[in-house]
N, C-alpha and C. Protein backbone atom coordinates (compact mmCIF):
# COMPACT_ATOMS: atom_id res chain seq x y z
N UNK A 1 110.54 102.69 169.99
CA UNK A 1 109.20 102.40 169.50
C UNK A 1 108.66 103.59 168.71
N UNK A 2 108.83 104.79 169.22
CA UNK A 2 108.34 105.98 168.53
C UNK A 2 109.01 106.13 167.18
N UNK A 3 110.30 105.81 167.12
CA UNK A 3 111.02 105.91 165.85
C UNK A 3 110.44 104.95 164.83
N UNK A 4 110.09 103.72 165.28
CA UNK A 4 109.52 102.73 164.36
C UNK A 4 108.16 103.21 163.86
N UNK A 5 107.37 103.85 164.70
CA UNK A 5 106.06 104.31 164.29
C UNK A 5 106.15 105.48 163.30
N UNK A 6 107.20 106.28 163.42
CA UNK A 6 107.38 107.40 162.52
C UNK A 6 107.82 106.94 161.14
N UNK A 7 108.56 105.86 161.08
CA UNK A 7 109.03 105.34 159.81
C UNK A 7 107.95 104.42 159.25
N UNK A 8 107.04 104.99 158.47
CA UNK A 8 105.90 104.25 157.96
C UNK A 8 106.27 103.27 156.85
N UNK A 9 107.50 103.30 156.38
CA UNK A 9 107.88 102.40 155.29
C UNK A 9 108.13 100.98 155.79
N UNK A 10 108.38 100.81 157.09
CA UNK A 10 108.63 99.50 157.67
C UNK A 10 107.66 99.29 158.83
N UNK A 11 106.88 98.20 158.75
CA UNK A 11 105.94 97.93 159.84
C UNK A 11 106.67 97.28 161.01
N UNK A 12 106.02 97.27 162.15
CA UNK A 12 106.60 96.65 163.33
C UNK A 12 106.86 95.17 163.06
N UNK A 13 105.91 94.50 162.41
CA UNK A 13 106.08 93.07 162.10
C UNK A 13 107.24 92.84 161.15
N UNK A 14 107.40 93.72 160.17
CA UNK A 14 108.54 93.59 159.25
C UNK A 14 109.85 93.82 159.99
N UNK A 15 109.83 94.76 160.91
CA UNK A 15 111.03 95.06 161.70
C UNK A 15 111.45 93.86 162.54
N UNK A 16 110.46 93.16 163.13
CA UNK A 16 110.75 92.00 163.98
C UNK A 16 111.18 90.79 163.18
N UNK A 17 110.64 90.63 161.99
CA UNK A 17 110.91 89.44 161.20
C UNK A 17 109.80 88.42 161.37
N UNK A 18 109.73 87.48 160.47
CA UNK A 18 108.65 86.50 160.41
C UNK A 18 108.45 85.67 161.67
N UNK A 19 109.51 85.08 162.18
CA UNK A 19 109.39 84.21 163.35
C UNK A 19 108.95 84.99 164.58
N UNK A 20 109.53 86.15 164.78
CA UNK A 20 109.19 86.95 165.96
C UNK A 20 107.77 87.47 165.87
N UNK A 21 107.35 87.89 164.68
CA UNK A 21 105.99 88.40 164.55
C UNK A 21 104.97 87.28 164.74
N UNK A 22 105.29 86.07 164.30
CA UNK A 22 104.41 84.92 164.55
C UNK A 22 104.34 84.60 166.04
N UNK A 23 105.46 84.70 166.71
CA UNK A 23 105.49 84.44 168.15
C UNK A 23 104.63 85.45 168.91
N UNK A 24 104.59 86.68 168.42
CA UNK A 24 103.78 87.71 169.07
C UNK A 24 102.29 87.42 168.97
N UNK A 25 101.89 86.58 168.02
CA UNK A 25 100.48 86.27 167.83
C UNK A 25 100.00 85.11 168.71
N UNK A 26 100.92 84.52 169.48
CA UNK A 26 100.55 83.42 170.36
C UNK A 26 100.02 83.96 171.68
N UNK A 27 98.99 83.30 172.24
CA UNK A 27 98.45 83.75 173.53
C UNK A 27 99.52 83.72 174.61
N UNK A 28 99.45 84.66 175.53
CA UNK A 28 100.39 84.77 176.62
C UNK A 28 99.63 84.58 177.94
N UNK A 29 100.12 83.69 178.78
CA UNK A 29 99.43 83.40 180.04
C UNK A 29 99.31 84.62 180.94
N UNK A 30 100.34 85.45 180.99
CA UNK A 30 100.28 86.65 181.83
C UNK A 30 99.20 87.61 181.36
N UNK A 31 99.11 87.79 180.05
CA UNK A 31 98.08 88.68 179.50
C UNK A 31 96.70 88.07 179.73
N UNK A 32 96.59 86.75 179.58
CA UNK A 32 95.32 86.07 179.82
C UNK A 32 94.83 86.34 181.25
N UNK A 33 95.72 86.28 182.21
CA UNK A 33 95.36 86.53 183.61
C UNK A 33 94.89 87.97 183.79
N UNK A 34 95.57 88.91 183.16
CA UNK A 34 95.18 90.32 183.25
C UNK A 34 93.79 90.52 182.63
N UNK A 35 93.55 89.94 181.47
CA UNK A 35 92.24 90.08 180.82
C UNK A 35 91.14 89.49 181.69
N UNK A 36 91.38 88.31 182.23
CA UNK A 36 90.38 87.67 183.08
C UNK A 36 90.11 88.52 184.32
N UNK A 37 91.15 89.05 184.93
CA UNK A 37 90.99 89.89 186.10
C UNK A 37 90.17 91.13 185.79
N UNK A 38 90.46 91.74 184.67
CA UNK A 38 89.72 92.94 184.28
C UNK A 38 88.26 92.61 183.98
N UNK A 39 88.02 91.50 183.32
CA UNK A 39 86.63 91.10 183.05
C UNK A 39 85.88 90.81 184.35
N UNK A 40 86.55 90.19 185.30
CA UNK A 40 85.91 89.90 186.58
C UNK A 40 85.55 91.17 187.34
N UNK A 41 86.22 92.27 187.03
CA UNK A 41 85.92 93.52 187.73
C UNK A 41 84.68 94.21 187.16
N UNK A 42 84.20 93.76 186.00
CA UNK A 42 83.01 94.36 185.40
C UNK A 42 81.75 93.87 186.12
N UNK A 43 80.77 94.73 186.19
CA UNK A 43 79.49 94.35 186.78
C UNK A 43 78.73 93.47 185.78
N UNK A 44 77.75 92.73 186.25
CA UNK A 44 76.93 91.93 185.32
C UNK A 44 76.29 92.80 184.23
N UNK A 45 75.86 94.00 184.59
CA UNK A 45 75.27 94.90 183.57
C UNK A 45 76.32 95.30 182.53
N UNK A 46 77.54 95.59 182.97
CA UNK A 46 78.60 95.95 182.03
C UNK A 46 78.94 94.78 181.12
N UNK A 47 78.97 93.59 181.66
CA UNK A 47 79.25 92.41 180.85
C UNK A 47 78.15 92.19 179.80
N UNK A 48 76.89 92.36 180.20
CA UNK A 48 75.79 92.21 179.24
C UNK A 48 75.88 93.27 178.14
N UNK A 49 76.20 94.49 178.52
CA UNK A 49 76.34 95.57 177.54
C UNK A 49 77.48 95.27 176.58
N UNK A 50 78.60 94.85 177.10
CA UNK A 50 79.74 94.50 176.26
C UNK A 50 79.37 93.39 175.29
N UNK A 51 78.71 92.38 175.78
CA UNK A 51 78.32 91.26 174.93
C UNK A 51 77.34 91.70 173.85
N UNK A 52 76.44 92.61 174.18
CA UNK A 52 75.46 93.07 173.19
C UNK A 52 76.11 93.93 172.11
N UNK A 53 77.24 94.55 172.43
CA UNK A 53 77.91 95.44 171.48
C UNK A 53 78.86 94.72 170.52
N UNK A 54 79.31 93.54 170.90
CA UNK A 54 80.31 92.83 170.11
C UNK A 54 79.62 91.74 169.31
N UNK A 55 79.66 91.88 167.98
CA UNK A 55 79.10 90.84 167.14
C UNK A 55 80.18 89.82 166.81
N UNK A 56 79.82 88.77 166.12
CA UNK A 56 80.76 87.69 165.81
C UNK A 56 81.99 88.16 165.04
N UNK A 57 81.77 89.02 164.05
CA UNK A 57 82.89 89.52 163.25
C UNK A 57 83.83 90.37 164.10
N UNK A 58 83.25 91.22 164.95
CA UNK A 58 84.08 92.06 165.83
C UNK A 58 84.89 91.20 166.79
N UNK A 59 84.26 90.15 167.31
CA UNK A 59 84.96 89.25 168.24
C UNK A 59 86.15 88.59 167.55
N UNK A 60 85.99 88.17 166.30
CA UNK A 60 87.10 87.55 165.57
C UNK A 60 88.24 88.54 165.36
N UNK A 61 87.91 89.79 165.07
CA UNK A 61 88.94 90.81 164.89
C UNK A 61 89.66 91.08 166.21
N UNK A 62 88.89 91.19 167.29
CA UNK A 62 89.51 91.41 168.60
C UNK A 62 90.44 90.27 168.97
N UNK A 63 90.10 89.04 168.59
CA UNK A 63 90.96 87.90 168.91
C UNK A 63 92.27 87.96 168.13
N UNK A 64 92.28 88.61 166.98
CA UNK A 64 93.54 88.79 166.25
C UNK A 64 94.45 89.74 167.01
N UNK A 65 93.85 90.75 167.64
CA UNK A 65 94.62 91.73 168.40
C UNK A 65 95.03 91.15 169.76
N UNK A 66 94.11 90.43 170.38
CA UNK A 66 94.32 89.91 171.72
C UNK A 66 93.94 88.42 171.73
N UNK A 67 94.85 87.54 171.27
CA UNK A 67 94.51 86.12 171.14
C UNK A 67 94.10 85.46 172.45
N UNK A 68 94.41 86.08 173.57
CA UNK A 68 94.01 85.54 174.87
C UNK A 68 92.50 85.53 175.03
N UNK A 69 91.80 86.35 174.26
CA UNK A 69 90.34 86.39 174.33
C UNK A 69 89.70 85.08 173.90
N UNK A 70 90.40 84.29 173.09
CA UNK A 70 89.82 83.03 172.63
C UNK A 70 89.46 82.14 173.81
N UNK A 71 90.33 82.06 174.80
CA UNK A 71 90.03 81.25 175.99
C UNK A 71 88.82 81.80 176.73
N UNK A 72 88.75 83.13 176.83
CA UNK A 72 87.63 83.77 177.51
C UNK A 72 86.33 83.47 176.74
N UNK A 73 86.38 83.62 175.44
CA UNK A 73 85.19 83.37 174.62
C UNK A 73 84.77 81.91 174.72
N UNK A 74 85.73 81.00 174.69
CA UNK A 74 85.39 79.58 174.82
C UNK A 74 84.76 79.28 176.18
N UNK A 75 85.26 79.93 177.21
CA UNK A 75 84.72 79.73 178.54
C UNK A 75 83.28 80.24 178.61
N UNK A 76 83.05 81.41 178.05
CA UNK A 76 81.70 81.98 178.04
C UNK A 76 80.77 81.15 177.17
N UNK A 77 81.27 80.70 176.03
CA UNK A 77 80.45 79.91 175.12
C UNK A 77 79.98 78.62 175.79
N UNK A 78 80.81 78.05 176.66
CA UNK A 78 80.41 76.83 177.35
C UNK A 78 79.30 77.10 178.35
N UNK A 79 79.16 78.36 178.78
CA UNK A 79 78.11 78.74 179.72
C UNK A 79 76.85 79.21 179.01
N UNK A 80 76.90 79.34 177.68
CA UNK A 80 75.78 79.85 176.92
C UNK A 80 74.55 78.97 177.09
N UNK A 81 74.76 77.68 177.25
CA UNK A 81 73.62 76.78 177.42
C UNK A 81 72.82 77.16 178.65
N UNK A 82 73.48 77.71 179.65
CA UNK A 82 72.80 78.12 180.87
C UNK A 82 72.18 79.50 180.71
N UNK A 83 72.73 80.33 179.80
CA UNK A 83 72.25 81.69 179.60
C UNK A 83 72.08 81.94 178.10
N UNK A 84 71.02 81.45 177.50
CA UNK A 84 70.86 81.56 176.05
C UNK A 84 70.73 82.99 175.52
N UNK A 85 70.59 83.99 176.37
CA UNK A 85 70.47 85.36 175.91
C UNK A 85 71.80 85.96 175.51
N UNK A 86 72.91 85.26 175.67
CA UNK A 86 74.21 85.79 175.32
C UNK A 86 74.24 86.14 173.83
N UNK A 87 74.99 87.18 173.47
CA UNK A 87 75.03 87.68 172.10
C UNK A 87 76.19 87.14 171.29
N UNK A 88 77.14 88.00 170.98
CA UNK A 88 78.23 87.68 170.06
C UNK A 88 79.05 86.49 170.52
N UNK A 89 79.28 86.39 171.80
CA UNK A 89 80.13 85.31 172.30
C UNK A 89 79.50 83.96 172.02
N UNK A 90 78.19 83.92 171.98
CA UNK A 90 77.49 82.66 171.68
C UNK A 90 77.60 82.32 170.22
N UNK A 91 77.88 83.30 169.37
CA UNK A 91 77.94 83.07 167.92
C UNK A 91 79.28 82.55 167.47
N UNK A 92 80.24 82.50 168.35
CA UNK A 92 81.59 82.09 167.98
C UNK A 92 81.66 80.58 167.80
């Protein structure tokens, strides 16, 4: 991995090839569980702070990096009706 990062002429996605790099962009159930577990460990104040800091554009960028967040955002968005003060997650 370190060798690939040092060789700036070839990206990791180019190294893997088209099919493999597309596969890497698919949500993974194991990662989804880890993300949910970590979010559940946050206090309500931490969750509110996180939500206030992430705007809609930032959330879309984060979902490109961590596609598992889409499920989390959809879950939170469904609860927005109960908590209309939600920020970026409600804008998705």
